[in-house]
Amino acid sequence: FLQAVTAGRILTGDDWAHDAHRTVAGLLVLATVAGGVVALVRLRGRAGGRRFGVALVAIGVGLMVQHNLGTAAAEGEDTLWLHVPLGVALLGLLARVGHVARSIGEPA
């Protein structure tokens, strides 16, 4: 949500929004990859635990690509046309990961 708000503020010309958008993006990458690794370790004995961890790590990789595309766009490269739809796709995948998390079974 904060990424969408700060992106809108960037488009309206608010300088502070660039820093906020970039900082939150970095935090999202770190939190997602760390959460995926922790899930792989802690949920390895549960049905769906491995799938959940792998999905989080994969989304973390997608967020790294997203971050690089956004940085390139901020530096004048023509990557915004990829950055925006990838962000929307990642949001959809995150919703799917929420469903996967709810389906994690009991320890074996």
C-alpha atoms as a PDB file:
ATOM      1  CA  PHE A   1       0.000   0.000   0.000  1.00  0.00           C
ATOM      2  CA  LEU A   2       2.758   2.424   0.953  1.00  0.00           C
ATOM      3  CA  GLN A   3       4.526   1.715  -2.328  1.00  0.00           C
ATOM      4  CA  ALA A   4       1.408   2.647  -4.295  1.00  0.00           C
ATOM      5  CA  VAL A   5       0.934   5.855  -2.289  1.00  0.00           C
ATOM      6  CA  THR A   6       4.543   6.947  -2.649  1.00  0.00           C
ATOM      7  CA  ALA A   7       4.516   6.083  -6.368  1.00  0.00           C
ATOM      8  CA  GLY A   8       1.514   8.357  -6.800  1.00  0.00           C
ATOM      9  CA  ARG A   9       3.295  11.108  -4.880  1.00  0.00           C
ATOM     10  CA  ILE A  10       6.355  10.669  -7.121  1.00  0.00           C
ATOM     11  CA  LEU A  11       4.151  11.218 -10.172  1.00  0.00           C
ATOM     12  CA  THR A  12       2.779  14.425  -8.647  1.00  0.00           C
ATOM     13  CA  GLY A  13       6.299  15.728  -8.101  1.00  0.00           C
ATOM     14  CA  ASP A  14       6.890  15.247  -4.369  1.00  0.00           C
ATOM     15  CA  ASP A  15      10.656  14.879  -3.894  1.00  0.00           C
ATOM     16  CA  TRP A  16      10.363  13.140  -0.503  1.00  0.00           C
ATOM     17  CA  ALA A  17       8.432  10.294  -2.112  1.00  0.00           C
ATOM     18  CA  HIS A  18      11.469   9.067  -4.093  1.00  0.00           C
ATOM     19  CA  ASP A  19      13.433   8.349  -0.933  1.00  0.00           C
ATOM     20  CA  ALA A  20      10.450   6.801   0.844  1.00  0.00           C
ATOM     21  CA  HIS A  21       9.614   4.596  -2.164  1.00  0.00           C
ATOM     22  CA  ARG A  22      13.216   3.409  -2.511  1.00  0.00           C
ATOM     23  CA  THR A  23      13.629   2.759   1.228  1.00  0.00           C
ATOM     24  CA  VAL A  24      10.389   0.787   1.558  1.00  0.00           C
ATOM     25  CA  ALA A  25      11.307  -1.224  -1.554  1.00  0.00           C
ATOM     26  CA  GLY A  26      14.616  -2.252  -0.009  1.00  0.00           C
ATOM     27  CA  LEU A  27      12.882  -3.228   3.229  1.00  0.00           C
ATOM     28  CA  LEU A  28      10.326  -5.291   1.290  1.00  0.00           C
ATOM     29  CA  VAL A  29      13.095  -7.210  -0.489  1.00  0.00           C
ATOM     30  CA  LEU A  30      14.909  -7.948   2.771  1.00  0.00           C
ATOM     31  CA  ALA A  31      11.766  -8.933   4.671  1.00  0.00           C
ATOM     32  CA  THR A  32      10.474 -11.177   1.898  1.00  0.00           C
ATOM     33  CA  VAL A  33      13.715 -13.052   1.304  1.00  0.00           C
ATOM     34  CA  ALA A  34      14.365 -13.390   5.048  1.00  0.00           C
ATOM     35  CA  GLY A  35      10.800 -14.586   5.621  1.00  0.00           C
ATOM     36  CA  GLY A  36      11.181 -17.140   2.834  1.00  0.00           C
ATOM     37  CA  VAL A  37      14.411 -18.513   4.252  1.00  0.00           C
ATOM     38  CA  VAL A  38      12.927 -18.701   7.752  1.00  0.00           C
ATOM     39  CA  ALA A  39       9.826 -20.424   6.364  1.00  0.00           C
ATOM     40  CA  LEU A  40      11.975 -22.974   4.518  1.00  0.00           C
ATOM     41  CA  VAL A  41      13.779 -23.817   7.754  1.00  0.00           C
ATOM     42  CA  ARG A  42      10.913 -23.633  10.237  1.00  0.00           C
ATOM     43  CA  LEU A  43       8.108 -25.127   8.120  1.00  0.00           C
ATOM     44  CA  ARG A  44      10.035 -27.876   6.330  1.00  0.00           C
ATOM     45  CA  GLY A  45       8.120 -30.621   8.131  1.00  0.00           C
ATOM     46  CA  ARG A  46       4.663 -29.246   7.379  1.00  0.00           C
ATOM     47  CA  ALA A  47       2.511 -29.860   4.341  1.00  0.00           C
ATOM     48  CA  GLY A  48       2.804 -26.786   2.127  1.00  0.00           C
ATOM     49  CA  GLY A  49       5.621 -25.277   4.208  1.00  0.00           C
ATOM     50  CA  ARG A  50       8.273 -25.746   1.549  1.00  0.00           C
ATOM     51  CA  ARG A  51       5.976 -24.362  -1.143  1.00  0.00           C
ATOM     52  CA  PHE A  52       5.314 -21.299   1.015  1.00  0.00           C
ATOM     53  CA  GLY A  53       9.025 -20.693   1.630  1.00  0.00           C
ATOM     54  CA  VAL A  54       9.968 -21.132  -2.016  1.00  0.00           C
ATOM     55  CA  ALA A  55       7.149 -18.793  -3.060  1.00  0.00           C
ATOM     56  CA  LEU A  56       8.401 -16.098  -0.674  1.00  0.00           C
ATOM     57  CA  VAL A  57      11.982 -16.427  -1.883  1.00  0.00           C
ATOM     58  CA  ALA A  58      10.777 -16.285  -5.518  1.00  0.00           C
ATOM     59  CA  ILE A  59       8.773 -13.144  -4.786  1.00  0.00           C
ATOM     60  CA  GLY A  60      11.851 -11.710  -3.060  1.00  0.00           C
ATOM     61  CA  VAL A  61      13.825 -12.270  -6.262  1.00  0.00           C
ATOM     62  CA  GLY A  62      11.014 -10.619  -8.222  1.00  0.00           C
ATOM     63  CA  LEU A  63      11.152  -7.674  -5.813  1.00  0.00           C
ATOM     64  CA  MET A  64      14.911  -7.375  -6.419  1.00  0.00           C
ATOM     65  CA  VAL A  65      14.247  -7.181 -10.152  1.00  0.00           C
ATOM     66  CA  GLN A  66      11.489  -4.664  -9.444  1.00  0.00           C
ATOM     67  CA  HIS A  67      13.856  -2.582  -7.308  1.00  0.00           C
ATOM     68  CA  ASN A  68      16.500  -2.583 -10.058  1.00  0.00           C
ATOM     69  CA  LEU A  69      13.946  -1.564 -12.691  1.00  0.00           C
ATOM     70  CA  GLY A  70      12.750   1.275 -10.460  1.00  0.00           C
ATOM     71  CA  THR A  71      16.290   2.456  -9.797  1.00  0.00           C
ATOM     72  CA  ALA A  72      17.029   2.395 -13.523  1.00  0.00           C
ATOM     73  CA  ALA A  73      13.855   4.393 -14.203  1.00  0.00           C
ATOM     74  CA  ALA A  74      14.857   6.966 -11.572  1.00  0.00           C
ATOM     75  CA  GLU A  75      18.213   7.315 -13.335  1.00  0.00           C
ATOM     76  CA  GLY A  76      16.524   8.063 -16.655  1.00  0.00           C
ATOM     77  CA  GLU A  77      16.365   4.605 -18.222  1.00  0.00           C
ATOM     78  CA  ASP A  78      13.202   3.576 -20.088  1.00  0.00           C
ATOM     79  CA  THR A  79      12.153   0.834 -17.631  1.00  0.00           C
ATOM     80  CA  LEU A  80       9.043   2.310 -16.047  1.00  0.00           C
ATOM     81  CA  TRP A  81       6.888   0.446 -18.581  1.00  0.00           C
ATOM     82  CA  LEU A  82       8.167  -2.806 -16.972  1.00  0.00           C
ATOM     83  CA  HIS A  83       8.345  -1.537 -13.387  1.00  0.00           C
ATOM     84  CA  VAL A  84       4.652  -0.707 -13.018  1.00  0.00           C
ATOM     85  CA  PRO A  85       3.079  -3.923 -14.410  1.00  0.00           C
ATOM     86  CA  LEU A  86       5.643  -6.070 -12.581  1.00  0.00           C
ATOM     87  CA  GLY A  87       4.613  -4.362  -9.343  1.00  0.00           C
ATOM     88  CA  VAL A  88       0.979  -5.191 -10.007  1.00  0.00           C
ATOM     89  CA  ALA A  89       1.873  -8.803 -10.844  1.00  0.00           C
ATOM     90  CA  LEU A  90       3.918  -9.140  -7.648  1.00  0.00           C
ATOM     91  CA  LEU A  91       0.989  -7.829  -5.641  1.00  0.00           C
ATOM     92  CA  GLY A  92      -1.209 -10.549  -7.178  1.00  0.00           C
ATOM     93  CA  LEU A  93       1.405 -13.194  -6.357  1.00  0.00           C
ATOM     94  CA  LEU A  94       1.553 -11.958  -2.769  1.00  0.00           C
ATOM     95  CA  ALA A  95      -2.191 -12.484  -2.500  1.00  0.00           C
ATOM     96  CA  ARG A  96      -1.681 -16.040  -3.733  1.00  0.00           C
ATOM     97  CA  VAL A  97       1.079 -16.606  -1.167  1.00  0.00           C
ATOM     98  CA  GLY A  98      -1.389 -15.554   1.525  1.00  0.00           C
ATOM     99  CA  HIS A  99      -3.664 -18.363   0.366  1.00  0.00           C
ATOM    100  CA  VAL A 100      -0.742 -20.819   0.429  1.00  0.00           C
ATOM    101  CA  ALA A 101       0.105 -19.725   3.989  1.00  0.00           C
ATOM    102  CA  ARG A 102      -3.425 -20.461   5.148  1.00  0.00           C
ATOM    103  CA  SER A 103      -3.205 -23.967   3.699  1.00  0.00           C
ATOM    104  CA  ILE A 104      -0.053 -25.001   5.607  1.00  0.00           C
ATOM    105  CA  GLY A 105      -0.777 -28.235   7.440  1.00  0.00           C
ATOM    106  CA  GLU A 106       0.204 -29.632  10.805  1.00  0.00           C
ATOM    107  CA  PRO A 107       3.738 -30.944  11.469  1.00  0.00           C
ATOM    108  CA  ALA A 108       4.350 -34.420  10.112  1.00  0.00           C
END
